[in-house]
Amino acid sequence: MQSDAIFFDTLRQGLWIAVIISAPVLTAALLAGVTIGLFQALTSIQEMTLTFVPKLVAIVGVFWVSMSFMTQTLVSFLHERIAPLIAGG
């Protein structure tokens, strides 16, 4: 019974960390998509690459900037939560 609680608590915490880590990249993609969609609606330009390239640039840029935050978050989760469970604590 206790091991089930530990498993589900670790799973819940891992999913929450996944949400926190993915939020900056998804927010950048959303903002770039809305901005480009608004631009396309205002100018009647329907070019497929116009939506793809700016989103890709925004995602890569935000990913590069937030890489240290993502790494620190995952490493701290590993050291504080996963490693003690593996070690049997």
N, C-alpha and C. Protein backbone atom coordinates (compact mmCIF):
# COMPACT_ATOMS: atom_id res chain seq x y z
N MET A 1 0.82 -1.19 0.00
CA MET A 1 0.00 0.00 0.00
C MET A 1 0.87 1.26 0.00
N GLN A 2 1.90 1.26 0.80
CA GLN A 2 2.79 2.42 0.88
C GLN A 2 3.54 2.61 -0.43
N SER A 3 3.94 1.53 -1.09
CA SER A 3 4.67 1.65 -2.34
C SER A 3 3.80 2.24 -3.45
N ASP A 4 2.50 1.96 -3.41
CA ASP A 4 1.59 2.56 -4.39
C ASP A 4 1.53 4.07 -4.22
N ALA A 5 1.48 4.52 -3.00
CA ALA A 5 1.42 5.95 -2.72
C ALA A 5 2.70 6.64 -3.18
N ILE A 6 3.83 6.02 -2.94
CA ILE A 6 5.11 6.58 -3.37
C ILE A 6 5.17 6.63 -4.89
N PHE A 7 4.71 5.57 -5.55
CA PHE A 7 4.72 5.52 -7.01
C PHE A 7 3.85 6.63 -7.59
N PHE A 8 2.63 6.76 -7.11
CA PHE A 8 1.72 7.77 -7.66
C PHE A 8 2.16 9.19 -7.33
N ASP A 9 2.75 9.38 -6.16
CA ASP A 9 3.26 10.70 -5.81
C ASP A 9 4.44 11.08 -6.71
N THR A 10 5.32 10.13 -6.98
CA THR A 10 6.45 10.38 -7.87
C THR A 10 5.97 10.62 -9.30
N LEU A 11 5.00 9.87 -9.73
CA LEU A 11 4.42 10.06 -11.06
C LEU A 11 3.77 11.43 -11.19
N ARG A 12 3.02 11.83 -10.17
CA ARG A 12 2.38 13.15 -10.17
C ARG A 12 3.42 14.26 -10.22
N GLN A 13 4.46 14.12 -9.42
CA GLN A 13 5.52 15.12 -9.40
C GLN A 13 6.26 15.16 -10.74
N GLY A 14 6.50 14.01 -11.34
CA GLY A 14 7.16 13.96 -12.65
C GLY A 14 6.33 14.60 -13.74
N LEU A 15 5.03 14.38 -13.71
CA LEU A 15 4.15 15.01 -14.70
C LEU A 15 4.10 16.52 -14.52
N TRP A 16 4.10 16.96 -13.27
CA TRP A 16 4.10 18.40 -13.01
C TRP A 16 5.40 19.04 -13.50
N ILE A 17 6.51 18.38 -13.31
CA ILE A 17 7.79 18.89 -13.80
C ILE A 17 7.78 18.93 -15.32
N ALA A 18 7.19 17.94 -15.96
CA ALA A 18 7.08 17.94 -17.43
C ALA A 18 6.26 19.14 -17.91
N VAL A 19 5.21 19.48 -17.19
CA VAL A 19 4.40 20.65 -17.55
C VAL A 19 5.21 21.93 -17.38
N ILE A 20 5.92 22.05 -16.27
CA ILE A 20 6.72 23.25 -16.01
C ILE A 20 7.83 23.40 -17.05
N ILE A 21 8.47 22.32 -17.39
CA ILE A 21 9.58 22.37 -18.34
C ILE A 21 9.08 22.71 -19.75
N SER A 22 7.93 22.19 -20.13
CA SER A 22 7.44 22.42 -21.48
C SER A 22 6.72 23.75 -21.65
N ALA A 23 6.36 24.40 -20.57
CA ALA A 23 5.59 25.64 -20.65
C ALA A 23 6.27 26.75 -21.44
N PRO A 24 7.57 27.05 -21.24
CA PRO A 24 8.16 28.14 -22.03
C PRO A 24 8.15 27.88 -23.53
N VAL A 25 8.46 26.66 -23.94
CA VAL A 25 8.51 26.34 -25.36
C VAL A 25 7.11 26.37 -25.97
N LEU A 26 6.14 25.81 -25.27
CA LEU A 26 4.77 25.82 -25.78
C LEU A 26 4.19 27.23 -25.82
N THR A 27 4.54 28.05 -24.84
CA THR A 27 4.07 29.44 -24.84
C THR A 27 4.65 30.21 -26.02
N ALA A 28 5.93 29.99 -26.29
CA ALA A 28 6.56 30.66 -27.44
C ALA A 28 5.91 30.23 -28.75
N ALA A 29 5.63 28.94 -28.89
CA ALA A 29 4.96 28.45 -30.11
C ALA A 29 3.57 29.03 -30.23
N LEU A 30 2.85 29.11 -29.12
CA LEU A 30 1.50 29.68 -29.15
C LEU A 30 1.53 31.15 -29.54
N LEU A 31 2.40 31.92 -28.92
CA LEU A 31 2.47 33.35 -29.24
C LEU A 31 2.91 33.59 -30.68
N ALA A 32 3.89 32.82 -31.14
CA ALA A 32 4.33 32.97 -32.54
C ALA A 32 3.21 32.58 -33.49
N GLY A 33 2.48 31.53 -33.20
CA GLY A 33 1.39 31.09 -34.06
C GLY A 33 0.26 32.09 -34.12
N VAL A 34 -0.11 32.65 -32.98
CA VAL A 34 -1.18 33.65 -32.95
C VAL A 34 -0.75 34.92 -33.69
N THR A 35 0.49 35.34 -33.47
CA THR A 35 0.99 36.54 -34.14
C THR A 35 1.03 36.36 -35.65
N ILE A 36 1.55 35.24 -36.11
CA ILE A 36 1.62 34.99 -37.55
C ILE A 36 0.23 34.80 -38.13
N GLY A 37 -0.65 34.13 -37.40
CA GLY A 37 -2.03 33.96 -37.87
C GLY A 37 -2.75 35.29 -38.01
N LEU A 38 -2.53 36.17 -37.04
CA LEU A 38 -3.12 37.50 -37.13
C LEU A 38 -2.55 38.27 -38.31
N PHE A 39 -1.25 38.17 -38.50
CA PHE A 39 -0.61 38.84 -39.65
C PHE A 39 -1.16 38.31 -40.97
N GLN A 40 -1.33 37.00 -41.06
CA GLN A 40 -1.87 36.40 -42.29
C GLN A 40 -3.32 36.82 -42.52
N ALA A 41 -4.08 36.93 -41.46
CA ALA A 41 -5.48 37.34 -41.61
C ALA A 41 -5.58 38.79 -42.05
N LEU A 42 -4.69 39.62 -41.55
CA LEU A 42 -4.72 41.04 -41.90
C LEU A 42 -4.22 41.31 -43.32
N THR A 43 -3.28 40.50 -43.79
CA THR A 43 -2.68 40.75 -45.10
C THR A 43 -3.16 39.79 -46.19
N SER A 44 -3.95 38.80 -45.85
CA SER A 44 -4.45 37.79 -46.78
C SER A 44 -3.33 37.01 -47.46
N ILE A 45 -2.21 36.87 -46.78
CA ILE A 45 -1.11 36.05 -47.28
C ILE A 45 -1.28 34.65 -46.68
N GLN A 46 -1.40 33.65 -47.53
CA GLN A 46 -1.58 32.28 -47.06
C GLN A 46 -0.39 31.42 -47.48
N GLU A 47 0.75 31.71 -46.94
CA GLU A 47 1.98 30.99 -47.24
C GLU A 47 2.26 30.01 -46.10
N MET A 48 2.45 28.74 -46.41
CA MET A 48 2.68 27.73 -45.38
C MET A 48 4.00 27.93 -44.64
N THR A 49 5.03 28.33 -45.36
CA THR A 49 6.32 28.51 -44.70
C THR A 49 6.31 29.71 -43.77
N LEU A 50 5.40 30.64 -43.99
CA LEU A 50 5.31 31.81 -43.13
C LEU A 50 4.87 31.42 -41.72
N THR A 51 4.11 30.35 -41.58
CA THR A 51 3.72 29.90 -40.24
C THR A 51 4.77 28.98 -39.63
N PHE A 52 5.43 28.20 -40.44
CA PHE A 52 6.36 27.20 -39.93
C PHE A 52 7.67 27.80 -39.46
N VAL A 53 8.30 28.62 -40.27
CA VAL A 53 9.64 29.12 -39.97
C VAL A 53 9.68 30.00 -38.72
N PRO A 54 8.80 30.99 -38.56
CA PRO A 54 8.86 31.79 -37.33
C PRO A 54 8.60 30.98 -36.06
N LYS A 55 7.67 30.01 -36.15
CA LYS A 55 7.43 29.15 -34.99
C LYS A 55 8.67 28.35 -34.64
N LEU A 56 9.31 27.80 -35.65
CA LEU A 56 10.52 27.02 -35.42
C LEU A 56 11.62 27.88 -34.81
N VAL A 57 11.79 29.09 -35.31
CA VAL A 57 12.81 29.99 -34.77
C VAL A 57 12.48 30.35 -33.32
N ALA A 58 11.21 30.63 -33.03
CA ALA A 58 10.81 30.97 -31.66
C ALA A 58 11.03 29.80 -30.72
N ILE A 59 10.66 28.60 -31.16
CA ILE A 59 10.82 27.42 -30.31
C ILE A 59 12.29 27.15 -30.04
N VAL A 60 13.12 27.19 -31.07
CA VAL A 60 14.55 26.93 -30.88
C VAL A 60 15.17 28.00 -29.99
N GLY A 61 14.79 29.26 -30.19
CA GLY A 61 15.34 30.34 -29.37
C GLY A 61 14.98 30.20 -27.90
N VAL A 62 13.72 29.93 -27.62
CA VAL A 62 13.29 29.77 -26.23
C VAL A 62 13.89 28.51 -25.62
N PHE A 63 13.98 27.46 -26.41
CA PHE A 63 14.60 26.23 -25.91
C PHE A 63 16.05 26.47 -25.54
N TRP A 64 16.77 27.21 -26.37
CA TRP A 64 18.18 27.49 -26.10
C TRP A 64 18.34 28.36 -24.85
N VAL A 65 17.46 29.34 -24.69
CA VAL A 65 17.53 30.23 -23.53
C VAL A 65 17.16 29.49 -22.25
N SER A 66 16.16 28.63 -22.30
CA SER A 66 15.68 27.97 -21.09
C SER A 66 16.31 26.60 -20.85
N MET A 67 17.32 26.25 -21.61
CA MET A 67 17.96 24.94 -21.45
C MET A 67 18.53 24.74 -20.05
N SER A 68 19.16 25.76 -19.47
CA SER A 68 19.75 25.59 -18.13
C SER A 68 18.66 25.39 -17.08
N PHE A 69 17.53 26.10 -17.21
CA PHE A 69 16.41 25.91 -16.29
C PHE A 69 15.87 24.49 -16.39
N MET A 70 15.72 24.00 -17.61
CA MET A 70 15.20 22.64 -17.80
C MET A 70 16.15 21.60 -17.21
N THR A 71 17.43 21.79 -17.46
CA THR A 71 18.42 20.85 -16.96
C THR A 71 18.47 20.86 -15.44
N GLN A 72 18.47 22.03 -14.83
CA GLN A 72 18.49 22.13 -13.37
C GLN A 72 17.25 21.48 -12.75
N THR A 73 16.10 21.69 -13.37
CA THR A 73 14.86 21.12 -12.84
C THR A 73 14.89 19.59 -12.91
N LEU A 74 15.32 19.06 -14.03
CA LEU A 74 15.37 17.60 -14.17
C LEU A 74 16.42 16.97 -13.26
N VAL A 75 17.57 17.60 -13.15
CA VAL A 75 18.63 17.05 -12.29
C VAL A 75 18.21 17.10 -10.83
N SER A 76 17.57 18.18 -10.40
CA SER A 76 17.13 18.25 -9.01
C SER A 76 16.04 17.20 -8.74
N PHE A 77 15.16 16.97 -9.70
CA PHE A 77 14.14 15.92 -9.54
C PHE A 77 14.81 14.55 -9.43
N LEU A 78 15.82 14.33 -10.24
CA LEU A 78 16.53 13.05 -10.18
C LEU A 78 17.21 12.86 -8.83
N HIS A 79 17.91 13.88 -8.36
CA HIS A 79 18.67 13.75 -7.10
C HIS A 79 17.75 13.71 -5.88
N GLU A 80 16.68 14.49 -5.89
CA GLU A 80 15.83 14.56 -4.70
C GLU A 80 14.78 13.47 -4.64
N ARG A 81 14.32 12.99 -5.79
CA ARG A 81 13.20 12.07 -5.78
C ARG A 81 13.53 10.68 -6.32
N ILE A 82 14.16 10.62 -7.50
CA ILE A 82 14.36 9.33 -8.15
C ILE A 82 15.53 8.56 -7.54
N ALA A 83 16.67 9.22 -7.34
CA ALA A 83 17.86 8.53 -6.82
C ALA A 83 17.61 7.89 -5.45
N PRO A 84 16.94 8.56 -4.49
CA PRO A 84 16.66 7.88 -3.24
C PRO A 84 15.76 6.66 -3.40
N LEU A 85 14.83 6.71 -4.35
CA LEU A 85 13.97 5.54 -4.57
C LEU A 85 14.76 4.37 -5.15
N ILE A 86 15.70 4.70 -6.05
CA ILE A 86 16.54 3.65 -6.64
C ILE A 86 17.45 3.06 -5.57
N ALA A 87 17.98 3.93 -4.70
CA ALA A 87 18.90 3.46 -3.65
C ALA A 87 18.16 2.70 -2.55
N GLY A 88 16.85 2.77 -2.55
CA GLY A 88 16.09 2.00 -1.59
C GLY A 88 15.66 2.81 -0.39
N GLY A 89 15.66 4.14 -0.51
CA GLY A 89 15.30 4.98 0.62
C GLY A 89 13.94 5.36 0.55
